[in-house]
């Protein structure tokens, strides 16, 4: 059997049945893509290698534990594992690289919801959407400070160090960002109640 001709789904099934080379084929297919994503996120080859290995180790463990959901694609699943490990690494070290929102990526997508209530989750999603729009109206310097403080939970000292500005400048930008957010909320008559 030539594993290179099998689909990802078939390779996962074969691996779960004990065929070790099937997983090696999956790893071969996605190693460049996974490593590239990790490296672009962390910008450190040694750290990227560690997180790359952790990604595939976590995937193996999840497959062995029966935690893989076949409804999605393997490629998206493995990329999500890699992304989450990068986030966890920086959260643990409090040195999150600053990612700008794009059409495909928005850091606010990774703010965790703690509510189990469906109604609260729907309201939270609507509020998050409105907050995104409000933050998008801010000047870029203010938007950057808000994202670092709220999304990445960085202290003002960490923000100042990262941006190479004084703490007072960081505090000032945050103050003006909050003033501008309040103005936009009043102007558009937005109610941000959860």
C-alpha atoms as a PDB file:
ATOM      1  CA  UNK A   1       0.000   0.000   0.000  1.00  0.00           C
ATOM      2  CA  UNK A   2       1.388   3.392  -1.010  1.00  0.00           C
ATOM      3  CA  UNK A   3       0.519   5.731   1.849  1.00  0.00           C
ATOM      4  CA  UNK A   4       1.293   8.829  -0.214  1.00  0.00           C
ATOM      5  CA  UNK A   5      -1.831   8.099  -2.289  1.00  0.00           C
ATOM      6  CA  UNK A   6      -4.157   7.856   0.725  1.00  0.00           C
ATOM      7  CA  UNK A   7      -6.337  10.747   1.922  1.00  0.00           C
ATOM      8  CA  UNK A   8      -5.709  12.377   5.289  1.00  0.00           C
ATOM      9  CA  UNK A   9      -8.829  10.732   6.677  1.00  0.00           C
ATOM     10  CA  UNK A  10      -7.657   7.294   5.518  1.00  0.00           C
ATOM     11  CA  UNK A  11      -4.215   7.887   7.026  1.00  0.00           C
ATOM     12  CA  UNK A  12      -5.755   8.858  10.374  1.00  0.00           C
ATOM     13  CA  UNK A  13      -7.888   5.716  10.328  1.00  0.00           C
ATOM     14  CA  UNK A  14      -4.873   3.566   9.464  1.00  0.00           C
ATOM     15  CA  UNK A  15      -2.824   5.147  12.253  1.00  0.00           C
ATOM     16  CA  UNK A  16      -5.592   4.590  14.781  1.00  0.00           C
ATOM     17  CA  UNK A  17      -5.581   0.935  13.710  1.00  0.00           C
ATOM     18  CA  UNK A  18      -1.884   0.698  14.577  1.00  0.00           C
ATOM     19  CA  UNK A  19      -0.196   1.635  11.290  1.00  0.00           C
ATOM     20  CA  UNK A  20       2.651   3.917  12.522  1.00  0.00           C
ATOM     21  CA  UNK A  21       3.917   4.845   9.016  1.00  0.00           C
ATOM     22  CA  UNK A  22       0.488   6.391   8.308  1.00  0.00           C
ATOM     23  CA  UNK A  23       1.163   9.121  10.856  1.00  0.00           C
ATOM     24  CA  UNK A  24       4.670   9.663   9.484  1.00  0.00           C
ATOM     25  CA  UNK A  25       3.025  10.312   6.096  1.00  0.00           C
ATOM     26  CA  UNK A  26       0.685  12.884   7.665  1.00  0.00           C
ATOM     27  CA  UNK A  27       3.647  14.540   9.350  1.00  0.00           C
ATOM     28  CA  UNK A  28       5.562  14.633   6.072  1.00  0.00           C
ATOM     29  CA  UNK A  29       2.588  16.264   4.340  1.00  0.00           C
ATOM     30  CA  UNK A  30       2.194  19.039   6.868  1.00  0.00           C
ATOM     31  CA  UNK A  31       5.612  19.583   8.437  1.00  0.00           C
ATOM     32  CA  UNK A  32       6.515  22.579   6.251  1.00  0.00           C
ATOM     33  CA  UNK A  33       3.163  24.259   6.709  1.00  0.00           C
ATOM     34  CA  UNK A  34       3.089  23.686  10.487  1.00  0.00           C
ATOM     35  CA  UNK A  35       6.699  24.738  11.007  1.00  0.00           C
ATOM     36  CA  UNK A  36       6.185  27.823   8.827  1.00  0.00           C
ATOM     37  CA  UNK A  37       3.169  28.935  10.845  1.00  0.00           C
ATOM     38  CA  UNK A  38       4.953  28.409  14.143  1.00  0.00           C
ATOM     39  CA  UNK A  39       8.122  30.162  12.959  1.00  0.00           C
ATOM     40  CA  UNK A  40       6.188  33.169  11.660  1.00  0.00           C
ATOM     41  CA  UNK A  41       4.515  33.416  15.057  1.00  0.00           C
ATOM     42  CA  UNK A  42       7.559  33.022  17.335  1.00  0.00           C
ATOM     43  CA  UNK A  43      10.405  34.247  15.075  1.00  0.00           C
ATOM     44  CA  UNK A  44      12.883  31.925  16.785  1.00  0.00           C
ATOM     45  CA  UNK A  45      14.072  28.767  15.038  1.00  0.00           C
ATOM     46  CA  UNK A  46      14.951  26.807  18.198  1.00  0.00           C
ATOM     47  CA  UNK A  47      11.645  27.648  19.875  1.00  0.00           C
ATOM     48  CA  UNK A  48       9.818  26.892  16.625  1.00  0.00           C
ATOM     49  CA  UNK A  49      11.458  23.429  16.529  1.00  0.00           C
ATOM     50  CA  UNK A  50      10.353  22.740  20.117  1.00  0.00           C
ATOM     51  CA  UNK A  51       6.778  23.856  19.457  1.00  0.00           C
ATOM     52  CA  UNK A  52       6.744  21.889  16.191  1.00  0.00           C
ATOM     53  CA  UNK A  53       7.664  18.680  18.034  1.00  0.00           C
ATOM     54  CA  UNK A  54       5.122  19.451  20.765  1.00  0.00           C
ATOM     55  CA  UNK A  55       2.439  19.940  18.105  1.00  0.00           C
ATOM     56  CA  UNK A  56       2.892  16.480  16.631  1.00  0.00           C
ATOM     57  CA  UNK A  57       3.303  14.867  20.059  1.00  0.00           C
ATOM     58  CA  UNK A  58       0.021  16.430  21.139  1.00  0.00           C
ATOM     59  CA  UNK A  59      -1.619  15.242  17.907  1.00  0.00           C
ATOM     60  CA  UNK A  60      -0.398  11.674  18.493  1.00  0.00           C
ATOM     61  CA  UNK A  61      -1.706  11.740  22.069  1.00  0.00           C
ATOM     62  CA  UNK A  62      -5.078  13.128  20.968  1.00  0.00           C
ATOM     63  CA  UNK A  63      -5.404  10.471  18.269  1.00  0.00           C
ATOM     64  CA  UNK A  64      -4.514   7.704  20.727  1.00  0.00           C
ATOM     65  CA  UNK A  65      -7.038   9.091  23.218  1.00  0.00           C
ATOM     66  CA  UNK A  66      -9.747   9.180  20.532  1.00  0.00           C
ATOM     67  CA  UNK A  67     -10.057  12.979  20.688  1.00  0.00           C
ATOM     68  CA  UNK A  68      -9.811  13.576  16.948  1.00  0.00           C
ATOM     69  CA  UNK A  69     -13.057  14.741  15.354  1.00  0.00           C
ATOM     70  CA  UNK A  70     -13.308  13.508  11.766  1.00  0.00           C
ATOM     71  CA  UNK A  71     -15.820  16.189  10.807  1.00  0.00           C
ATOM     72  CA  UNK A  72     -13.014  18.681  10.264  1.00  0.00           C
ATOM     73  CA  UNK A  73      -9.909  18.428   8.132  1.00  0.00           C
ATOM     74  CA  UNK A  74      -6.692  17.063   9.584  1.00  0.00           C
ATOM     75  CA  UNK A  75      -4.750  20.040   8.209  1.00  0.00           C
ATOM     76  CA  UNK A  76      -6.958  22.560  10.039  1.00  0.00           C
ATOM     77  CA  UNK A  77      -6.834  20.459  13.204  1.00  0.00           C
ATOM     78  CA  UNK A  78      -3.035  20.202  13.281  1.00  0.00           C
ATOM     79  CA  UNK A  79      -2.690  23.926  12.520  1.00  0.00           C
ATOM     80  CA  UNK A  80      -5.056  24.738  15.404  1.00  0.00           C
ATOM     81  CA  UNK A  81      -2.913  22.621  17.754  1.00  0.00           C
ATOM     82  CA  UNK A  82       0.200  24.505  16.608  1.00  0.00           C
ATOM     83  CA  UNK A  83      -1.501  27.864  17.030  1.00  0.00           C
ATOM     84  CA  UNK A  84      -2.776  27.010  20.512  1.00  0.00           C
ATOM     85  CA  UNK A  85       0.670  25.850  21.625  1.00  0.00           C
ATOM     86  CA  UNK A  86       2.157  29.162  20.444  1.00  0.00           C
ATOM     87  CA  UNK A  87      -0.510  31.096  22.347  1.00  0.00           C
ATOM     88  CA  UNK A  88       0.065  28.966  25.456  1.00  0.00           C
ATOM     89  CA  UNK A  89       3.819  29.480  25.248  1.00  0.00           C
ATOM     90  CA  UNK A  90       3.518  33.261  25.119  1.00  0.00           C
ATOM     91  CA  UNK A  91       0.751  33.374  27.691  1.00  0.00           C
ATOM     92  CA  UNK A  92       2.978  31.440  30.090  1.00  0.00           C
ATOM     93  CA  UNK A  93       5.934  33.708  29.377  1.00  0.00           C
ATOM     94  CA  UNK A  94       3.882  36.939  29.148  1.00  0.00           C
ATOM     95  CA  UNK A  95       5.686  37.896  25.936  1.00  0.00           C
ATOM     96  CA  UNK A  96       3.004  37.696  23.269  1.00  0.00           C
ATOM     97  CA  UNK A  97       4.120  38.896  19.843  1.00  0.00           C
ATOM     98  CA  UNK A  98       1.738  41.524  18.586  1.00  0.00           C
ATOM     99  CA  UNK A  99      -0.428  40.304  15.737  1.00  0.00           C
ATOM    100  CA  UNK A 100      -2.434  42.761  13.690  1.00  0.00           C
ATOM    101  CA  UNK A 101      -6.011  41.911  12.808  1.00  0.00           C
ATOM    102  CA  UNK A 102      -6.475  40.816   9.201  1.00  0.00           C
ATOM    103  CA  UNK A 103      -9.326  39.337   7.180  1.00  0.00           C
ATOM    104  CA  UNK A 104      -8.189  35.832   8.151  1.00  0.00           C
ATOM    105  CA  UNK A 105      -7.025  36.478  11.727  1.00  0.00           C
ATOM    106  CA  UNK A 106      -8.323  38.577  14.588  1.00  0.00           C
ATOM    107  CA  UNK A 107      -6.726  38.314  18.039  1.00  0.00           C
ATOM    108  CA  UNK A 108     -10.122  38.900  19.653  1.00  0.00           C
ATOM    109  CA  UNK A 109     -11.179  35.494  18.311  1.00  0.00           C
ATOM    110  CA  UNK A 110      -9.009  33.947  21.006  1.00  0.00           C
ATOM    111  CA  UNK A 111     -10.501  35.720  24.017  1.00  0.00           C
ATOM    112  CA  UNK A 112     -11.967  32.821  25.954  1.00  0.00           C
ATOM    113  CA  UNK A 113     -15.601  32.742  26.941  1.00  0.00           C
ATOM    114  CA  UNK A 114     -16.294  31.330  30.394  1.00  0.00           C
ATOM    115  CA  UNK A 115     -20.089  31.310  30.208  1.00  0.00           C
ATOM    116  CA  UNK A 116     -21.949  28.040  29.645  1.00  0.00           C
ATOM    117  CA  UNK A 117     -25.308  29.739  29.121  1.00  0.00           C
ATOM    118  CA  UNK A 118     -26.216  29.795  25.397  1.00  0.00           C
ATOM    119  CA  UNK A 119     -28.016  33.128  25.662  1.00  0.00           C
ATOM    120  CA  UNK A 120     -25.006  34.704  27.350  1.00  0.00           C
ATOM    121  CA  UNK A 121     -22.733  33.268  24.669  1.00  0.00           C
ATOM    122  CA  UNK A 122     -24.867  34.818  21.906  1.00  0.00           C
ATOM    123  CA  UNK A 123     -24.845  38.168  23.709  1.00  0.00           C
ATOM    124  CA  UNK A 124     -21.077  37.867  24.287  1.00  0.00           C
ATOM    125  CA  UNK A 125     -20.490  37.262  20.568  1.00  0.00           C
ATOM    126  CA  UNK A 126     -22.565  40.318  19.658  1.00  0.00           C
ATOM    127  CA  UNK A 127     -20.739  42.464  22.202  1.00  0.00           C
ATOM    128  CA  UNK A 128     -17.374  41.170  20.948  1.00  0.00           C
ATOM    129  CA  UNK A 129     -18.391  42.086  17.383  1.00  0.00           C
ATOM    130  CA  UNK A 130     -19.329  45.605  18.480  1.00  0.00           C
ATOM    131  CA  UNK A 131     -16.136  45.977  20.508  1.00  0.00           C
ATOM    132  CA  UNK A 132     -14.116  44.896  17.441  1.00  0.00           C
ATOM    133  CA  UNK A 133     -15.807  47.581  15.382  1.00  0.00           C
ATOM    134  CA  UNK A 134     -15.201  50.191  18.082  1.00  0.00           C
ATOM    135  CA  UNK A 135     -11.534  49.268  18.449  1.00  0.00           C
ATOM    136  CA  UNK A 136     -11.213  49.388  14.651  1.00  0.00           C
ATOM    137  CA  UNK A 137     -12.262  53.059  14.749  1.00  0.00           C
ATOM    138  CA  UNK A 138      -9.326  54.010  16.968  1.00  0.00           C
ATOM    139  CA  UNK A 139      -6.099  55.473  15.596  1.00  0.00           C
ATOM    140  CA  UNK A 140      -3.510  52.708  15.117  1.00  0.00           C
ATOM    141  CA  UNK A 141      -1.320  53.709  18.105  1.00  0.00           C
ATOM    142  CA  UNK A 142      -4.314  53.616  20.449  1.00  0.00           C
ATOM    143  CA  UNK A 143      -5.680  50.406  18.912  1.00  0.00           C
ATOM    144  CA  UNK A 144      -2.308  48.713  19.422  1.00  0.00           C
ATOM    145  CA  UNK A 145      -2.208  49.672  23.131  1.00  0.00           C
ATOM    146  CA  UNK A 146      -5.781  48.438  23.692  1.00  0.00           C
ATOM    147  CA  UNK A 147      -5.021  45.089  22.027  1.00  0.00           C
ATOM    148  CA  UNK A 148      -1.819  44.598  24.027  1.00  0.00           C
ATOM    149  CA  UNK A 149      -3.510  45.452  27.301  1.00  0.00           C
ATOM    150  CA  UNK A 150      -6.829  43.650  26.902  1.00  0.00           C
ATOM    151  CA  UNK A 151      -6.198  40.761  24.528  1.00  0.00           C
ATOM    152  CA  UNK A 152      -2.601  39.913  25.458  1.00  0.00           C
ATOM    153  CA  UNK A 153      -2.961  40.969  29.115  1.00  0.00           C
ATOM    154  CA  UNK A 154       0.336  42.840  29.028  1.00  0.00           C
ATOM    155  CA  UNK A 155       1.245  45.264  31.802  1.00  0.00           C
ATOM    156  CA  UNK A 156       1.871  48.894  30.853  1.00  0.00           C
ATOM    157  CA  UNK A 157       5.561  48.331  31.575  1.00  0.00           C
ATOM    158  CA  UNK A 158       5.601  45.372  29.143  1.00  0.00           C
ATOM    159  CA  UNK A 159       3.752  47.468  26.556  1.00  0.00           C
ATOM    160  CA  UNK A 160       6.197  50.349  26.999  1.00  0.00           C
ATOM    161  CA  UNK A 161       9.188  48.005  26.683  1.00  0.00           C
ATOM    162  CA  UNK A 162       7.741  46.265  23.619  1.00  0.00           C
ATOM    163  CA  UNK A 163       6.960  49.543  21.824  1.00  0.00           C
ATOM    164  CA  UNK A 164      10.077  51.299  23.130  1.00  0.00           C
ATOM    165  CA  UNK A 165       8.056  54.154  24.609  1.00  0.00           C
ATOM    166  CA  UNK A 166       7.710  55.484  28.156  1.00  0.00           C
ATOM    167  CA  UNK A 167       5.117  54.068  30.529  1.00  0.00           C
ATOM    168  CA  UNK A 168       3.485  57.519  30.634  1.00  0.00           C
ATOM    169  CA  UNK A 169       3.126  57.486  26.853  1.00  0.00           C
ATOM    170  CA  UNK A 170       1.531  54.028  27.004  1.00  0.00           C
ATOM    171  CA  UNK A 171      -0.827  55.169  29.764  1.00  0.00           C
ATOM    172  CA  UNK A 172      -1.663  58.322  27.829  1.00  0.00           C
ATOM    173  CA  UNK A 173      -2.486  56.406  24.664  1.00  0.00           C
ATOM    174  CA  UNK A 174      -4.707  54.056  26.656  1.00  0.00           C
ATOM    175  CA  UNK A 175      -6.464  57.011  28.281  1.00  0.00           C
ATOM    176  CA  UNK A 176      -7.146  58.633  24.913  1.00  0.00           C
ATOM    177  CA  UNK A 177      -8.260  55.276  23.494  1.00  0.00           C
ATOM    178  CA  UNK A 178     -10.811  54.928  26.299  1.00  0.00           C
ATOM    179  CA  UNK A 179     -12.007  58.507  25.759  1.00  0.00           C
ATOM    180  CA  UNK A 180     -12.405  57.827  22.035  1.00  0.00           C
ATOM    181  CA  UNK A 181     -14.198  54.541  22.690  1.00  0.00           C
ATOM    182  CA  UNK A 182     -16.657  56.320  25.003  1.00  0.00           C
ATOM    183  CA  UNK A 183     -17.278  58.983  22.342  1.00  0.00           C
ATOM    184  CA  UNK A 184     -17.977  56.314  19.711  1.00  0.00           C
ATOM    185  CA  UNK A 185     -20.288  54.451  22.109  1.00  0.00           C
ATOM    186  CA  UNK A 186     -22.265  57.620  22.835  1.00  0.00           C
ATOM    187  CA  UNK A 187     -22.282  58.740  19.193  1.00  0.00           C
ATOM    188  CA  UNK A 188     -23.614  55.389  17.948  1.00  0.00           C
ATOM    189  CA  UNK A 189     -25.811  54.803  21.022  1.00  0.00           C
ATOM    190  CA  UNK A 190     -24.238  51.386  21.658  1.00  0.00           C
ATOM    191  CA  UNK A 191     -25.170  49.408  24.785  1.00  0.00           C
ATOM    192  CA  UNK A 192     -22.407  46.996  25.821  1.00  0.00           C
ATOM    193  CA  UNK A 193     -24.208  45.020  28.509  1.00  0.00           C
ATOM    194  CA  UNK A 194     -23.495  41.344  29.195  1.00  0.00           C
END
